[in-house]
């Protein structure tokens, strides 16, 4: 324990003696960890957006005004019996008319048409939600069969438009993640090289001390230990700085995300707050891992003990 404590003290002293080089190294590692956090944020936003869009996909079925409610309920039960169907919501004739009025802003033309006809010309409707996106095509074909030809007035095809949006969104998210991943690897390599060179310069600056330590009987592990401790400090400080920078930036930009994704369940700040310790732990592991790996390469290459 005494030897370990001395190694830690020497490692902190080495970090402080080369404070400017240490700060530059920490900033490079911080930049890499920050970019990794941005990649994670983009991935979360992309996945939450895809999930929100998928939850809004449905298939609308509209019946003729002469179709009885019992017949509509029979069709609803037949749909619920199909393996592709998750749920089926019934929209009454009155509810459908109210939705039409809302969509048209209480148009006087609609009200005049209703008064002229003397009754509600709209039939009931069903909102069908499938278990998977692929299930909508099978449900649409089922409803377009001859047995429903005389009672179904229209089958909405909104799910096809939504599927196109989902496919495009998936492609965009994939490309952003791919580009971000390559950038992360690039900055990771830069961080490794930076720590490698920092440890190399530190070894060169302390070559006389290392020689004296060996003359007085210091073990190889004791000589190498302080440099590993110094690299750990690089990773720990970089992780701390990344969290200090990333969370406030995310807090400031979160209202813009909320406004942009209005109506969708996308909350990147809530996700980060919920998984803050896991994210911080990942940053510590990556930051310290890159730093220690780089220092071990440098020690093995330049520290001859």
C-alpha atoms as a PDB file:
ATOM      1  CA  UNK A   1       0.000   0.000   0.000  1.00  0.00           C
ATOM      2  CA  UNK A   2       2.860   2.376   0.781  1.00  0.00           C
ATOM      3  CA  UNK A   3       4.427   1.666  -2.625  1.00  0.00           C
ATOM      4  CA  UNK A   4       1.076   2.222  -4.394  1.00  0.00           C
ATOM      5  CA  UNK A   5       0.575   5.479  -2.526  1.00  0.00           C
ATOM      6  CA  UNK A   6       4.003   6.711  -3.546  1.00  0.00           C
ATOM      7  CA  UNK A   7       3.311   5.777  -7.178  1.00  0.00           C
ATOM      8  CA  UNK A   8       0.097   7.819  -7.076  1.00  0.00           C
ATOM      9  CA  UNK A   9       1.891  10.787  -5.521  1.00  0.00           C
ATOM     10  CA  UNK A  10       4.678  10.638  -8.104  1.00  0.00           C
ATOM     11  CA  UNK A  11       2.096  10.348 -10.875  1.00  0.00           C
ATOM     12  CA  UNK A  12       0.255  13.482  -9.673  1.00  0.00           C
ATOM     13  CA  UNK A  13       3.568  15.308  -9.376  1.00  0.00           C
ATOM     14  CA  UNK A  14       4.474  14.300 -12.935  1.00  0.00           C
ATOM     15  CA  UNK A  15       1.115  15.607 -14.157  1.00  0.00           C
ATOM     16  CA  UNK A  16       1.617  18.930 -12.363  1.00  0.00           C
ATOM     17  CA  UNK A  17       5.245  19.440 -13.425  1.00  0.00           C
ATOM     18  CA  UNK A  18       4.179  19.247 -17.081  1.00  0.00           C
ATOM     19  CA  UNK A  19       0.951  21.149 -16.511  1.00  0.00           C
ATOM     20  CA  UNK A  20       0.649  22.779 -19.971  1.00  0.00           C
ATOM     21  CA  UNK A  21       1.352  19.558 -21.810  1.00  0.00           C
ATOM     22  CA  UNK A  22      -1.066  17.788 -19.471  1.00  0.00           C
ATOM     23  CA  UNK A  23      -3.821  20.347 -20.102  1.00  0.00           C
ATOM     24  CA  UNK A  24      -3.461  20.087 -23.886  1.00  0.00           C
ATOM     25  CA  UNK A  25      -3.615  16.302 -23.635  1.00  0.00           C
ATOM     26  CA  UNK A  26      -6.697  16.457 -21.406  1.00  0.00           C
ATOM     27  CA  UNK A  27      -8.407  18.824 -23.857  1.00  0.00           C
ATOM     28  CA  UNK A  28      -7.749  16.468 -26.777  1.00  0.00           C
ATOM     29  CA  UNK A  29      -9.195  13.519 -24.857  1.00  0.00           C
ATOM     30  CA  UNK A  30     -12.113  15.729 -23.773  1.00  0.00           C
ATOM     31  CA  UNK A  31     -12.837  16.598 -27.398  1.00  0.00           C
ATOM     32  CA  UNK A  32     -12.965  12.913 -28.283  1.00  0.00           C
ATOM     33  CA  UNK A  33     -15.281  12.094 -25.388  1.00  0.00           C
ATOM     34  CA  UNK A  34     -17.502  15.054 -26.237  1.00  0.00           C
ATOM     35  CA  UNK A  35     -17.825  13.825 -29.805  1.00  0.00           C
ATOM     36  CA  UNK A  36     -18.662  10.359 -28.484  1.00  0.00           C
ATOM     37  CA  UNK A  37     -21.392  11.934 -26.345  1.00  0.00           C
ATOM     38  CA  UNK A  38     -22.759  13.771 -29.390  1.00  0.00           C
ATOM     39  CA  UNK A  39     -22.833  10.477 -31.315  1.00  0.00           C
ATOM     40  CA  UNK A  40     -24.751   8.874 -28.455  1.00  0.00           C
ATOM     41  CA  UNK A  41     -27.147  11.833 -28.419  1.00  0.00           C
ATOM     42  CA  UNK A  42     -27.749  11.597 -32.166  1.00  0.00           C
ATOM     43  CA  UNK A  43     -28.395   7.891 -31.832  1.00  0.00           C
ATOM     44  CA  UNK A  44     -30.919   8.466 -29.025  1.00  0.00           C
ATOM     45  CA  UNK A  45     -32.680  11.239 -30.964  1.00  0.00           C
ATOM     46  CA  UNK A  46     -32.806   9.075 -34.084  1.00  0.00           C
ATOM     47  CA  UNK A  47     -34.185   6.057 -32.255  1.00  0.00           C
ATOM     48  CA  UNK A  48     -36.746   8.095 -30.308  1.00  0.00           C
ATOM     49  CA  UNK A  49     -37.888   9.823 -33.494  1.00  0.00           C
ATOM     50  CA  UNK A  50     -38.257   6.534 -35.344  1.00  0.00           C
ATOM     51  CA  UNK A  51     -40.215   5.061 -32.449  1.00  0.00           C
ATOM     52  CA  UNK A  52     -42.489   8.118 -32.252  1.00  0.00           C
ATOM     53  CA  UNK A  53     -43.175   8.070 -36.002  1.00  0.00           C
ATOM     54  CA  UNK A  54     -43.874   4.327 -35.967  1.00  0.00           C
ATOM     55  CA  UNK A  55     -46.354   4.773 -33.120  1.00  0.00           C
ATOM     56  CA  UNK A  56     -48.276   7.271 -35.262  1.00  0.00           C
ATOM     57  CA  UNK A  57     -48.613   4.953 -38.234  1.00  0.00           C
ATOM     58  CA  UNK A  58     -52.134   3.568 -38.676  1.00  0.00           C
ATOM     59  CA  UNK A  59     -54.679   2.618 -41.291  1.00  0.00           C
ATOM     60  CA  UNK A  60     -58.027   4.437 -41.517  1.00  0.00           C
ATOM     61  CA  UNK A  61     -61.134   2.591 -42.710  1.00  0.00           C
ATOM     62  CA  UNK A  62     -64.263   4.609 -43.546  1.00  0.00           C
ATOM     63  CA  UNK A  63     -67.678   2.994 -44.032  1.00  0.00           C
ATOM     64  CA  UNK A  64     -70.655   4.196 -46.016  1.00  0.00           C
ATOM     65  CA  UNK A  65     -73.309   6.191 -44.190  1.00  0.00           C
ATOM     66  CA  UNK A  66     -75.811   3.346 -44.605  1.00  0.00           C
ATOM     67  CA  UNK A  67     -73.593   0.772 -42.872  1.00  0.00           C
ATOM     68  CA  UNK A  68     -75.067  -0.129 -39.494  1.00  0.00           C
ATOM     69  CA  UNK A  69     -73.052   0.086 -36.283  1.00  0.00           C
ATOM     70  CA  UNK A  70     -73.476  -3.663 -35.752  1.00  0.00           C
ATOM     71  CA  UNK A  71     -71.872  -4.345 -39.127  1.00  0.00           C
ATOM     72  CA  UNK A  72     -69.003  -1.984 -38.325  1.00  0.00           C
ATOM     73  CA  UNK A  73     -68.481  -3.741 -34.999  1.00  0.00           C
ATOM     74  CA  UNK A  74     -68.451  -7.105 -36.796  1.00  0.00           C
ATOM     75  CA  UNK A  75     -65.682  -5.890 -39.104  1.00  0.00           C
ATOM     76  CA  UNK A  76     -63.809  -4.560 -36.077  1.00  0.00           C
ATOM     77  CA  UNK A  77     -63.922  -7.969 -34.384  1.00  0.00           C
ATOM     78  CA  UNK A  78     -62.780  -9.672 -37.587  1.00  0.00           C
ATOM     79  CA  UNK A  79     -59.794  -7.314 -37.744  1.00  0.00           C
ATOM     80  CA  UNK A  80     -58.920  -7.918 -34.093  1.00  0.00           C
ATOM     81  CA  UNK A  81     -58.826 -11.646 -34.828  1.00  0.00           C
ATOM     82  CA  UNK A  82     -56.058 -11.181 -37.392  1.00  0.00           C
ATOM     83  CA  UNK A  83     -52.483 -11.812 -36.176  1.00  0.00           C
ATOM     84  CA  UNK A  84     -51.129  -8.598 -37.768  1.00  0.00           C
ATOM     85  CA  UNK A  85     -53.503  -6.309 -35.831  1.00  0.00           C
ATOM     86  CA  UNK A  86     -52.482  -4.679 -32.557  1.00  0.00           C
ATOM     87  CA  UNK A  87     -55.634  -2.621 -31.917  1.00  0.00           C
ATOM     88  CA  UNK A  88     -58.735  -1.248 -33.659  1.00  0.00           C
ATOM     89  CA  UNK A  89     -60.434   1.955 -32.473  1.00  0.00           C
ATOM     90  CA  UNK A  90     -63.991   2.786 -33.486  1.00  0.00           C
ATOM     91  CA  UNK A  91     -64.912   6.297 -34.662  1.00  0.00           C
ATOM     92  CA  UNK A  92     -68.642   6.991 -34.656  1.00  0.00           C
ATOM     93  CA  UNK A  93     -70.383   9.042 -37.339  1.00  0.00           C
ATOM     94  CA  UNK A  94     -70.686  12.016 -35.007  1.00  0.00           C
ATOM     95  CA  UNK A  95     -67.033  11.819 -34.009  1.00  0.00           C
ATOM     96  CA  UNK A  96     -65.962  11.642 -37.634  1.00  0.00           C
ATOM     97  CA  UNK A  97     -68.013  14.719 -38.486  1.00  0.00           C
ATOM     98  CA  UNK A  98     -66.462  16.608 -35.564  1.00  0.00           C
ATOM     99  CA  UNK A  99     -62.960  15.631 -36.730  1.00  0.00           C
ATOM    100  CA  UNK A 100     -63.794  16.927 -40.215  1.00  0.00           C
ATOM    101  CA  UNK A 101     -65.006  20.229 -38.809  1.00  0.00           C
ATOM    102  CA  UNK A 102     -61.838  20.617 -36.722  1.00  0.00           C
ATOM    103  CA  UNK A 103     -59.608  19.861 -39.674  1.00  0.00           C
ATOM    104  CA  UNK A 104     -61.387  22.494 -41.760  1.00  0.00           C
ATOM    105  CA  UNK A 105     -61.469  25.096 -38.984  1.00  0.00           C
ATOM    106  CA  UNK A 106     -65.240  24.967 -38.510  1.00  0.00           C
ATOM    107  CA  UNK A 107     -65.777  25.866 -42.182  1.00  0.00           C
ATOM    108  CA  UNK A 108     -69.127  27.499 -42.991  1.00  0.00           C
ATOM    109  CA  UNK A 109     -69.219  25.517 -46.222  1.00  0.00           C
ATOM    110  CA  UNK A 110     -69.269  22.231 -44.310  1.00  0.00           C
ATOM    111  CA  UNK A 111     -71.981  23.471 -41.975  1.00  0.00           C
ATOM    112  CA  UNK A 112     -74.036  24.681 -44.931  1.00  0.00           C
ATOM    113  CA  UNK A 113     -73.654  21.324 -46.676  1.00  0.00           C
ATOM    114  CA  UNK A 114     -74.807  19.464 -43.546  1.00  0.00           C
ATOM    115  CA  UNK A 115     -77.840  21.706 -43.224  1.00  0.00           C
ATOM    116  CA  UNK A 116     -78.711  21.220 -46.888  1.00  0.00           C
ATOM    117  CA  UNK A 117     -78.517  17.445 -46.612  1.00  0.00           C
ATOM    118  CA  UNK A 118     -80.441  17.410 -43.373  1.00  0.00           C
ATOM    119  CA  UNK A 119     -78.261  14.640 -41.871  1.00  0.00           C
ATOM    120  CA  UNK A 120     -74.715  13.541 -41.281  1.00  0.00           C
ATOM    121  CA  UNK A 121     -73.447  12.144 -44.611  1.00  0.00           C
ATOM    122  CA  UNK A 122     -70.409  10.467 -43.083  1.00  0.00           C
ATOM    123  CA  UNK A 123     -70.221   6.869 -42.026  1.00  0.00           C
ATOM    124  CA  UNK A 124     -68.393   5.370 -39.081  1.00  0.00           C
ATOM    125  CA  UNK A 125     -64.701   4.621 -39.222  1.00  0.00           C
ATOM    126  CA  UNK A 126     -62.022   2.363 -37.803  1.00  0.00           C
ATOM    127  CA  UNK A 127     -58.428   3.241 -36.931  1.00  0.00           C
ATOM    128  CA  UNK A 128     -56.304   0.105 -37.266  1.00  0.00           C
ATOM    129  CA  UNK A 129     -52.868  -0.195 -35.668  1.00  0.00           C
ATOM    130  CA  UNK A 130     -50.677  -3.075 -36.785  1.00  0.00           C
ATOM    131  CA  UNK A 131     -48.032  -4.848 -34.710  1.00  0.00           C
ATOM    132  CA  UNK A 132     -45.398  -4.203 -37.358  1.00  0.00           C
ATOM    133  CA  UNK A 133     -45.076  -1.889 -40.344  1.00  0.00           C
ATOM    134  CA  UNK A 134     -45.166  -4.843 -42.727  1.00  0.00           C
ATOM    135  CA  UNK A 135     -48.592  -5.828 -41.401  1.00  0.00           C
ATOM    136  CA  UNK A 136     -50.411  -2.852 -42.934  1.00  0.00           C
ATOM    137  CA  UNK A 137     -50.197  -4.159 -46.485  1.00  0.00           C
ATOM    138  CA  UNK A 138     -51.811  -7.452 -45.436  1.00  0.00           C
ATOM    139  CA  UNK A 139     -54.564  -5.610 -43.548  1.00  0.00           C
ATOM    140  CA  UNK A 140     -55.233  -3.323 -46.520  1.00  0.00           C
ATOM    141  CA  UNK A 141     -55.555  -6.321 -48.867  1.00  0.00           C
ATOM    142  CA  UNK A 142     -57.929  -7.983 -46.400  1.00  0.00           C
ATOM    143  CA  UNK A 143     -60.197  -4.921 -46.333  1.00  0.00           C
ATOM    144  CA  UNK A 144     -60.153  -4.577 -50.128  1.00  0.00           C
ATOM    145  CA  UNK A 145     -61.673  -8.021 -50.628  1.00  0.00           C
ATOM    146  CA  UNK A 146     -65.078  -8.373 -52.307  1.00  0.00           C
ATOM    147  CA  UNK A 147     -66.900  -9.087 -49.052  1.00  0.00           C
ATOM    148  CA  UNK A 148     -66.337  -5.495 -47.882  1.00  0.00           C
ATOM    149  CA  UNK A 149     -66.693  -3.747 -51.242  1.00  0.00           C
ATOM    150  CA  UNK A 150     -70.243  -2.526 -50.656  1.00  0.00           C
ATOM    151  CA  UNK A 151     -69.791  -1.215 -47.109  1.00  0.00           C
ATOM    152  CA  UNK A 152     -66.305   0.348 -47.117  1.00  0.00           C
ATOM    153  CA  UNK A 153     -66.259   3.786 -48.666  1.00  0.00           C
ATOM    154  CA  UNK A 154     -62.516   4.429 -48.453  1.00  0.00           C
ATOM    155  CA  UNK A 155     -59.371   2.902 -46.995  1.00  0.00           C
ATOM    156  CA  UNK A 156     -56.781   5.505 -46.022  1.00  0.00           C
ATOM    157  CA  UNK A 157     -53.237   4.936 -47.296  1.00  0.00           C
ATOM    158  CA  UNK A 158     -51.497   7.187 -44.775  1.00  0.00           C
ATOM    159  CA  UNK A 159     -49.338   4.282 -43.666  1.00  0.00           C
ATOM    160  CA  UNK A 160     -47.647   4.205 -47.073  1.00  0.00           C
ATOM    161  CA  UNK A 161     -46.621   7.858 -46.713  1.00  0.00           C
ATOM    162  CA  UNK A 162     -45.455   7.202 -43.165  1.00  0.00           C
ATOM    163  CA  UNK A 163     -43.467   4.184 -44.290  1.00  0.00           C
ATOM    164  CA  UNK A 164     -41.696   6.357 -46.861  1.00  0.00           C
ATOM    165  CA  UNK A 165     -40.895   8.921 -44.163  1.00  0.00           C
ATOM    166  CA  UNK A 166     -39.625   6.196 -41.853  1.00  0.00           C
ATOM    167  CA  UNK A 167     -37.402   4.710 -44.550  1.00  0.00           C
ATOM    168  CA  UNK A 168     -35.922   8.123 -45.361  1.00  0.00           C
ATOM    169  CA  UNK A 169     -35.457   8.935 -41.686  1.00  0.00           C
ATOM    170  CA  UNK A 170     -33.758   5.599 -41.095  1.00  0.00           C
ATOM    171  CA  UNK A 171     -31.393   6.268 -43.976  1.00  0.00           C
ATOM    172  CA  UNK A 172     -30.552   9.770 -42.718  1.00  0.00           C
ATOM    173  CA  UNK A 173     -30.007   8.584 -39.152  1.00  0.00           C
ATOM    174  CA  UNK A 174     -27.796   5.748 -40.388  1.00  0.00           C
ATOM    175  CA  UNK A 175     -25.648   8.106 -42.429  1.00  0.00           C
ATOM    176  CA  UNK A 176     -25.300  10.567 -39.563  1.00  0.00           C
ATOM    177  CA  UNK A 177     -24.328   7.767 -37.195  1.00  0.00           C
ATOM    178  CA  UNK A 178     -21.826   6.388 -39.703  1.00  0.00           C
ATOM    179  CA  UNK A 179     -20.183   9.761 -40.243  1.00  0.00           C
ATOM    180  CA  UNK A 180     -20.136  10.439 -36.495  1.00  0.00           C
ATOM    181  CA  UNK A 181     -18.595   7.041 -35.823  1.00  0.00           C
ATOM    182  CA  UNK A 182     -15.752   7.681 -38.251  1.00  0.00           C
ATOM    183  CA  UNK A 183     -15.170  11.101 -36.693  1.00  0.00           C
ATOM    184  CA  UNK A 184     -15.096   9.486 -33.254  1.00  0.00           C
ATOM    185  CA  UNK A 185     -12.526   6.945 -34.413  1.00  0.00           C
ATOM    186  CA  UNK A 186     -10.459   9.741 -35.946  1.00  0.00           C
ATOM    187  CA  UNK A 187     -10.447  11.796 -32.763  1.00  0.00           C
ATOM    188  CA  UNK A 188      -9.839   8.628 -30.768  1.00  0.00           C
ATOM    189  CA  UNK A 189      -6.696   8.026 -32.807  1.00  0.00           C
ATOM    190  CA  UNK A 190      -5.664  11.649 -32.273  1.00  0.00           C
ATOM    191  CA  UNK A 191      -6.216  11.238 -28.524  1.00  0.00           C
ATOM    192  CA  UNK A 192      -4.112   8.056 -28.481  1.00  0.00           C
ATOM    193  CA  UNK A 193      -1.279   9.775 -30.351  1.00  0.00           C
ATOM    194  CA  UNK A 194      -1.508  12.823 -28.093  1.00  0.00           C
ATOM    195  CA  UNK A 195      -1.279  10.799 -24.897  1.00  0.00           C
ATOM    196  CA  UNK A 196       1.470   8.681 -26.433  1.00  0.00           C
ATOM    197  CA  UNK A 197       3.561  11.753 -27.193  1.00  0.00           C
ATOM    198  CA  UNK A 198       2.795  13.358 -23.837  1.00  0.00           C
ATOM    199  CA  UNK A 199       4.057  10.291 -21.972  1.00  0.00           C
ATOM    200  CA  UNK A 200       7.076  10.090 -24.297  1.00  0.00           C
ATOM    201  CA  UNK A 201       8.010  13.707 -23.580  1.00  0.00           C
ATOM    202  CA  UNK A 202       7.448  13.149 -19.860  1.00  0.00           C
ATOM    203  CA  UNK A 203       9.721  10.112 -19.890  1.00  0.00           C
ATOM    204  CA  UNK A 204      12.424  12.103 -21.664  1.00  0.00           C
ATOM    205  CA  UNK A 205      12.094  14.998 -19.205  1.00  0.00           C
ATOM    206  CA  UNK A 206      12.478  12.660 -16.222  1.00  0.00           C
ATOM    207  CA  UNK A 207      15.167  10.395 -17.625  1.00  0.00           C
ATOM    208  CA  UNK A 208      17.682  11.471 -14.958  1.00  0.00           C
ATOM    209  CA  UNK A 209      15.221  10.840 -12.119  1.00  0.00           C
ATOM    210  CA  UNK A 210      14.409   7.437 -13.591  1.00  0.00           C
ATOM    211  CA  UNK A 211      18.113   6.593 -13.663  1.00  0.00           C
ATOM    212  CA  UNK A 212      18.535   7.611 -10.022  1.00  0.00           C
ATOM    213  CA  UNK A 213      15.470   5.603  -8.996  1.00  0.00           C
ATOM    214  CA  UNK A 214      16.948   2.505 -10.650  1.00  0.00           C
ATOM    215  CA  UNK A 215      20.301   3.087  -8.912  1.00  0.00           C
ATOM    216  CA  UNK A 216      18.663   3.107  -5.494  1.00  0.00           C
ATOM    217  CA  UNK A 217      16.860  -0.149  -6.229  1.00  0.00           C
ATOM    218  CA  UNK A 218      13.410   0.891  -7.473  1.00  0.00           C
ATOM    219  CA  UNK A 219      11.495  -1.912  -9.202  1.00  0.00           C
ATOM    220  CA  UNK A 220      10.411  -1.733 -12.821  1.00  0.00           C
ATOM    221  CA  UNK A 221       6.749  -1.536 -11.747  1.00  0.00           C
ATOM    222  CA  UNK A 222       7.496   1.372  -9.410  1.00  0.00           C
ATOM    223  CA  UNK A 223       9.244   3.268 -12.215  1.00  0.00           C
ATOM    224  CA  UNK A 224       6.426   2.664 -14.708  1.00  0.00           C
ATOM    225  CA  UNK A 225       3.554   3.175 -12.254  1.00  0.00           C
ATOM    226  CA  UNK A 226       3.615   7.006 -12.033  1.00  0.00           C
ATOM    227  CA  UNK A 227       3.280   7.315 -15.814  1.00  0.00           C
ATOM    228  CA  UNK A 228       0.220   5.061 -15.778  1.00  0.00           C
ATOM    229  CA  UNK A 229      -1.223   7.153 -12.942  1.00  0.00           C
ATOM    230  CA  UNK A 230      -0.599  10.300 -14.999  1.00  0.00           C
ATOM    231  CA  UNK A 231      -2.451   8.810 -17.972  1.00  0.00           C
ATOM    232  CA  UNK A 232      -5.344   7.866 -15.674  1.00  0.00           C
ATOM    233  CA  UNK A 233      -5.537  11.486 -14.595  1.00  0.00           C
ATOM    234  CA  UNK A 234      -5.827  12.478 -18.259  1.00  0.00           C
ATOM    235  CA  UNK A 235      -8.824  10.184 -18.697  1.00  0.00           C
ATOM    236  CA  UNK A 236     -10.545  11.089 -15.412  1.00  0.00           C
ATOM    237  CA  UNK A 237     -10.234  14.834 -15.917  1.00  0.00           C
ATOM    238  CA  UNK A 238     -11.346  14.535 -19.555  1.00  0.00           C
ATOM    239  CA  UNK A 239     -14.455  12.594 -18.447  1.00  0.00           C
ATOM    240  CA  UNK A 240     -15.239  15.231 -15.821  1.00  0.00           C
ATOM    241  CA  UNK A 241     -14.765  18.113 -18.252  1.00  0.00           C
ATOM    242  CA  UNK A 242     -16.913  16.379 -20.884  1.00  0.00           C
ATOM    243  CA  UNK A 243     -19.807  16.009 -18.449  1.00  0.00           C
ATOM    244  CA  UNK A 244     -19.440  19.599 -17.244  1.00  0.00           C
ATOM    245  CA  UNK A 245     -19.552  20.840 -20.850  1.00  0.00           C
ATOM    246  CA  UNK A 246     -22.064  18.430 -22.396  1.00  0.00           C
ATOM    247  CA  UNK A 247     -24.901  18.584 -19.857  1.00  0.00           C
ATOM    248  CA  UNK A 248     -25.233  22.442 -19.806  1.00  0.00           C
ATOM    249  CA  UNK A 249     -25.046  22.580 -23.619  1.00  0.00           C
ATOM    250  CA  UNK A 250     -27.760  19.936 -23.828  1.00  0.00           C
ATOM    251  CA  UNK A 251     -29.883  21.806 -21.279  1.00  0.00           C
ATOM    252  CA  UNK A 252     -29.624  25.010 -23.317  1.00  0.00           C
ATOM    253  CA  UNK A 253     -30.407  23.330 -26.650  1.00  0.00           C
ATOM    254  CA  UNK A 254     -33.177  21.048 -25.335  1.00  0.00           C
ATOM    255  CA  UNK A 255     -35.972  23.655 -25.901  1.00  0.00           C
ATOM    256  CA  UNK A 256     -34.950  23.834 -29.564  1.00  0.00           C
ATOM    257  CA  UNK A 257     -35.125  20.038 -29.806  1.00  0.00           C
ATOM    258  CA  UNK A 258     -38.550  20.076 -28.143  1.00  0.00           C
ATOM    259  CA  UNK A 259     -39.804  22.737 -30.551  1.00  0.00           C
ATOM    260  CA  UNK A 260     -38.395  20.953 -33.592  1.00  0.00           C
ATOM    261  CA  UNK A 261     -39.892  17.602 -32.564  1.00  0.00           C
ATOM    262  CA  UNK A 262     -43.173  19.094 -31.310  1.00  0.00           C
ATOM    263  CA  UNK A 263     -45.837  16.423 -31.078  1.00  0.00           C
ATOM    264  CA  UNK A 264     -43.338  13.575 -30.849  1.00  0.00           C
ATOM    265  CA  UNK A 265     -42.037  11.848 -27.754  1.00  0.00           C
ATOM    266  CA  UNK A 266     -38.407  12.932 -28.182  1.00  0.00           C
ATOM    267  CA  UNK A 267     -36.624  13.957 -24.976  1.00  0.00           C
ATOM    268  CA  UNK A 268     -32.844  13.704 -25.194  1.00  0.00           C
ATOM    269  CA  UNK A 269     -32.308  15.675 -21.961  1.00  0.00           C
ATOM    270  CA  UNK A 270     -34.580  13.320 -20.039  1.00  0.00           C
ATOM    271  CA  UNK A 271     -32.687  10.345 -21.425  1.00  0.00           C
ATOM    272  CA  UNK A 272     -29.317  11.801 -20.365  1.00  0.00           C
ATOM    273  CA  UNK A 273     -30.611  12.653 -16.885  1.00  0.00           C
ATOM    274  CA  UNK A 274     -32.008   9.151 -16.506  1.00  0.00           C
ATOM    275  CA  UNK A 275     -28.765   7.483 -17.647  1.00  0.00           C
ATOM    276  CA  UNK A 276     -26.283  10.085 -16.389  1.00  0.00           C
ATOM    277  CA  UNK A 277     -24.218   7.687 -14.288  1.00  0.00           C
ATOM    278  CA  UNK A 278     -24.066   5.090 -17.047  1.00  0.00           C
ATOM    279  CA  UNK A 279     -22.940   7.748 -19.536  1.00  0.00           C
ATOM    280  CA  UNK A 280     -20.347   9.117 -17.119  1.00  0.00           C
ATOM    281  CA  UNK A 281     -19.104   5.588 -16.436  1.00  0.00           C
ATOM    282  CA  UNK A 282     -18.778   4.925 -20.161  1.00  0.00           C
ATOM    283  CA  UNK A 283     -16.841   8.158 -20.619  1.00  0.00           C
ATOM    284  CA  UNK A 284     -14.503   7.256 -17.750  1.00  0.00           C
ATOM    285  CA  UNK A 285     -13.912   3.780 -19.168  1.00  0.00           C
ATOM    286  CA  UNK A 286     -13.231   5.075 -22.683  1.00  0.00           C
ATOM    287  CA  UNK A 287     -11.165   8.064 -21.545  1.00  0.00           C
ATOM    288  CA  UNK A 288      -9.032   6.121 -19.088  1.00  0.00           C
ATOM    289  CA  UNK A 289      -8.815   3.169 -21.456  1.00  0.00           C
ATOM    290  CA  UNK A 290      -7.468   5.275 -24.332  1.00  0.00           C
ATOM    291  CA  UNK A 291      -5.042   7.083 -22.033  1.00  0.00           C
ATOM    292  CA  UNK A 292      -3.704   3.972 -20.311  1.00  0.00           C
ATOM    293  CA  UNK A 293      -3.404   2.088 -23.594  1.00  0.00           C
ATOM    294  CA  UNK A 294      -1.430   4.959 -25.105  1.00  0.00           C
ATOM    295  CA  UNK A 295       0.805   5.253 -22.036  1.00  0.00           C
ATOM    296  CA  UNK A 296       1.562   1.531 -22.054  1.00  0.00           C
ATOM    297  CA  UNK A 297       2.649   1.763 -25.687  1.00  0.00           C
ATOM    298  CA  UNK A 298       4.847   4.759 -24.894  1.00  0.00           C
ATOM    299  CA  UNK A 299       6.326   3.114 -21.791  1.00  0.00           C
ATOM    300  CA  UNK A 300       7.073  -0.053 -23.680  1.00  0.00           C
ATOM    301  CA  UNK A 301       8.678   1.890 -26.521  1.00  0.00           C
ATOM    302  CA  UNK A 302      10.702   4.553 -24.713  1.00  0.00           C
ATOM    303  CA  UNK A 303      11.105   3.571 -21.046  1.00  0.00           C
ATOM    304  CA  UNK A 304      14.062   1.220 -20.835  1.00  0.00           C
ATOM    305  CA  UNK A 305      14.286  -0.116 -17.296  1.00  0.00           C
END
